[in-house]
Amino acid sequence: MGLTQLQKHLESALKFPANYAYAARSCLDQLTTSAEEVVSGINTERDHPAGWWARAFTRQCQDALHELTFLSPSTAPGIDEIPTLRELAVLGNQHAIERLSAIEKACTAIQ
């Protein structure tokens, strides 16, 4: 059942892209929960490829959800669409300001 539910959530995410923060959060919540259920149902050795990939996908879902929650402007009313880092920085989101600064430093170092 876990893989079937995960597949349904993935297909739904592909058909209806989450353009709004609340929709993205809902989609990531569903994917994370489904991926965690799949991992818990896998009875393979730690190094088995199926288990490795399932855990990797679960981590990606968890990380994306954490990132959205971390940067989400929950205190900024009127923002429905997923904002850019620059938009969040203009709103005074310290996490976005720090990320933009790190990106700019990395780009400068490459040049």
C-alpha atoms as a PDB file:
ATOM      1  CA  MET A   1       0.000   0.000   0.000  1.00  0.00           C
ATOM      2  CA  GLY A   2       2.844   2.421   0.742  1.00  0.00           C
ATOM      3  CA  LEU A   3       4.215   2.430  -2.807  1.00  0.00           C
ATOM      4  CA  THR A   4       0.745   2.760  -4.302  1.00  0.00           C
ATOM      5  CA  GLN A   5      -0.036   5.794  -2.139  1.00  0.00           C
ATOM      6  CA  LEU A   6       3.349   7.353  -2.900  1.00  0.00           C
ATOM      7  CA  GLN A   7       2.773   6.853  -6.615  1.00  0.00           C
ATOM      8  CA  LYS A   8      -0.637   8.557  -6.373  1.00  0.00           C
ATOM      9  CA  HIS A   9       0.887  11.531  -4.549  1.00  0.00           C
ATOM     10  CA  LEU A  10       3.685  11.809  -7.114  1.00  0.00           C
ATOM     11  CA  GLU A  11       1.221  11.665 -10.019  1.00  0.00           C
ATOM     12  CA  SER A  12      -0.922  14.307  -8.349  1.00  0.00           C
ATOM     13  CA  ALA A  13       2.106  16.560  -7.865  1.00  0.00           C
ATOM     14  CA  LEU A  14       2.959  16.234 -11.547  1.00  0.00           C
ATOM     15  CA  LYS A  15      -0.585  16.949 -12.746  1.00  0.00           C
ATOM     16  CA  PHE A  16      -1.199  19.895 -10.429  1.00  0.00           C
ATOM     17  CA  PRO A  17       2.041  21.775  -9.748  1.00  0.00           C
ATOM     18  CA  ALA A  18       2.033  23.582  -6.411  1.00  0.00           C
ATOM     19  CA  ASN A  19       2.283  27.265  -7.310  1.00  0.00           C
ATOM     20  CA  TYR A  20       1.146  28.447  -3.917  1.00  0.00           C
ATOM     21  CA  ALA A  21       2.896  28.048  -0.585  1.00  0.00           C
ATOM     22  CA  TYR A  22      -0.017  26.263   1.080  1.00  0.00           C
ATOM     23  CA  ALA A  23      -0.339  23.837  -1.846  1.00  0.00           C
ATOM     24  CA  ALA A  24       3.402  23.150  -1.885  1.00  0.00           C
ATOM     25  CA  ARG A  25       3.394  22.493   1.850  1.00  0.00           C
ATOM     26  CA  SER A  26       0.412  20.137   1.526  1.00  0.00           C
ATOM     27  CA  CYS A  27       2.015  18.276  -1.368  1.00  0.00           C
ATOM     28  CA  LEU A  28       5.342  17.929   0.468  1.00  0.00           C
ATOM     29  CA  ASP A  29       3.556  16.773   3.612  1.00  0.00           C
ATOM     30  CA  GLN A  30       1.826  14.028   1.644  1.00  0.00           C
ATOM     31  CA  LEU A  31       4.989  12.975  -0.190  1.00  0.00           C
ATOM     32  CA  THR A  32       7.033  12.940   3.014  1.00  0.00           C
ATOM     33  CA  THR A  33       4.471  10.843   4.872  1.00  0.00           C
ATOM     34  CA  SER A  34       4.129   8.390   1.988  1.00  0.00           C
ATOM     35  CA  ALA A  35       7.898   8.109   1.548  1.00  0.00           C
ATOM     36  CA  GLU A  36       8.374   7.484   5.278  1.00  0.00           C
ATOM     37  CA  GLU A  37       5.754   4.709   5.129  1.00  0.00           C
ATOM     38  CA  VAL A  38       7.575   3.085   2.221  1.00  0.00           C
ATOM     39  CA  VAL A  39      10.893   3.208   4.085  1.00  0.00           C
ATOM     40  CA  SER A  40       9.355   1.713   7.213  1.00  0.00           C
ATOM     41  CA  GLY A  41       7.981  -1.172   5.145  1.00  0.00           C
ATOM     42  CA  ILE A  42      11.285  -2.048   3.496  1.00  0.00           C
ATOM     43  CA  ASN A  43      12.980  -4.978   5.160  1.00  0.00           C
ATOM     44  CA  THR A  44      16.314  -4.828   3.393  1.00  0.00           C
ATOM     45  CA  GLU A  45      19.871  -4.499   4.505  1.00  0.00           C
ATOM     46  CA  ARG A  46      21.199  -0.992   4.999  1.00  0.00           C
ATOM     47  CA  ASP A  47      23.265  -1.172   1.797  1.00  0.00           C
ATOM     48  CA  HIS A  48      20.534  -2.622  -0.419  1.00  0.00           C
ATOM     49  CA  PRO A  49      19.852  -0.273  -3.376  1.00  0.00           C
ATOM     50  CA  ALA A  50      16.063  -0.231  -2.885  1.00  0.00           C
ATOM     51  CA  GLY A  51      16.405   0.814   0.743  1.00  0.00           C
ATOM     52  CA  TRP A  52      19.078   3.365  -0.094  1.00  0.00           C
ATOM     53  CA  TRP A  53      16.941   5.022  -2.772  1.00  0.00           C
ATOM     54  CA  ALA A  54      13.827   5.002  -0.595  1.00  0.00           C
ATOM     55  CA  ARG A  55      15.717   6.666   2.278  1.00  0.00           C
ATOM     56  CA  ALA A  56      17.301   9.184  -0.118  1.00  0.00           C
ATOM     57  CA  PHE A  57      13.891  10.149  -1.511  1.00  0.00           C
ATOM     58  CA  THR A  58      12.486  10.465   2.002  1.00  0.00           C
ATOM     59  CA  ARG A  59      15.354  12.772   2.987  1.00  0.00           C
ATOM     60  CA  GLN A  60      14.745  14.906  -0.107  1.00  0.00           C
ATOM     61  CA  CYS A  61      11.064  15.274   0.764  1.00  0.00           C
ATOM     62  CA  GLN A  62      11.890  16.108   4.382  1.00  0.00           C
ATOM     63  CA  ASP A  63      14.562  18.622   3.332  1.00  0.00           C
ATOM     64  CA  ALA A  64      12.242  20.356   0.857  1.00  0.00           C
ATOM     65  CA  LEU A  65       9.492  20.567   3.463  1.00  0.00           C
ATOM     66  CA  HIS A  66      11.947  21.920   6.021  1.00  0.00           C
ATOM     67  CA  GLU A  67      13.248  24.491   3.518  1.00  0.00           C
ATOM     68  CA  LEU A  68       9.736  25.678   2.672  1.00  0.00           C
ATOM     69  CA  THR A  69       8.830  25.920   6.348  1.00  0.00           C
ATOM     70  CA  PHE A  70      12.150  27.614   7.166  1.00  0.00           C
ATOM     71  CA  LEU A  71      11.715  30.320   4.536  1.00  0.00           C
ATOM     72  CA  SER A  72       7.929  30.553   4.464  1.00  0.00           C
ATOM     73  CA  PRO A  73       6.690  34.052   5.198  1.00  0.00           C
ATOM     74  CA  SER A  74       3.952  32.919   7.563  1.00  0.00           C
ATOM     75  CA  THR A  75       3.952  36.371   9.162  1.00  0.00           C
ATOM     76  CA  ALA A  76       3.602  38.179   5.833  1.00  0.00           C
ATOM     77  CA  PRO A  77      -0.118  38.361   5.017  1.00  0.00           C
ATOM     78  CA  GLY A  78      -1.225  38.543   1.429  1.00  0.00           C
ATOM     79  CA  ILE A  79       1.513  36.355  -0.037  1.00  0.00           C
ATOM     80  CA  ASP A  80      -0.065  33.314  -1.599  1.00  0.00           C
ATOM     81  CA  GLU A  81       2.397  32.444  -4.338  1.00  0.00           C
ATOM     82  CA  ILE A  82       5.728  30.917  -3.427  1.00  0.00           C
ATOM     83  CA  PRO A  83       8.020  33.930  -3.111  1.00  0.00           C
ATOM     84  CA  THR A  84      11.581  34.164  -4.366  1.00  0.00           C
ATOM     85  CA  LEU A  85      14.486  34.528  -1.951  1.00  0.00           C
ATOM     86  CA  ARG A  86      14.825  38.148  -3.013  1.00  0.00           C
ATOM     87  CA  GLU A  87      11.152  38.831  -2.255  1.00  0.00           C
ATOM     88  CA  LEU A  88      11.560  37.263   1.171  1.00  0.00           C
ATOM     89  CA  ALA A  89      14.713  39.291   1.807  1.00  0.00           C
ATOM     90  CA  VAL A  90      12.869  42.511   0.940  1.00  0.00           C
ATOM     91  CA  LEU A  91      10.267  41.514   3.525  1.00  0.00           C
ATOM     92  CA  GLY A  92      13.059  41.258   6.085  1.00  0.00           C
ATOM     93  CA  ASN A  93      13.251  37.461   6.308  1.00  0.00           C
ATOM     94  CA  GLN A  94      16.673  36.965   7.899  1.00  0.00           C
ATOM     95  CA  HIS A  95      17.027  33.403   6.622  1.00  0.00           C
ATOM     96  CA  ALA A  96      16.482  34.591   3.040  1.00  0.00           C
ATOM     97  CA  ILE A  97      18.955  37.447   3.509  1.00  0.00           C
ATOM     98  CA  GLU A  98      21.591  35.001   4.756  1.00  0.00           C
ATOM     99  CA  ARG A  99      20.964  32.577   1.890  1.00  0.00           C
ATOM    100  CA  LEU A 100      21.206  35.340  -0.705  1.00  0.00           C
ATOM    101  CA  SER A 101      24.447  36.525   0.831  1.00  0.00           C
ATOM    102  CA  ALA A 102      25.887  33.001   0.707  1.00  0.00           C
ATOM    103  CA  ILE A 103      24.811  32.589  -2.928  1.00  0.00           C
ATOM    104  CA  GLU A 104      26.363  35.928  -3.898  1.00  0.00           C
ATOM    105  CA  LYS A 105      29.640  34.985  -2.162  1.00  0.00           C
ATOM    106  CA  ALA A 106      29.694  31.631  -3.920  1.00  0.00           C
ATOM    107  CA  CYS A 107      29.099  33.294  -7.312  1.00  0.00           C
ATOM    108  CA  THR A 108      31.843  35.839  -6.641  1.00  0.00           C
ATOM    109  CA  ALA A 109      34.266  33.061  -5.672  1.00  0.00           C
ATOM    110  CA  ILE A 110      33.608  31.231  -8.943  1.00  0.00           C
ATOM    111  CA  GLN A 111      34.313  34.266 -11.097  1.00  0.00           C
END
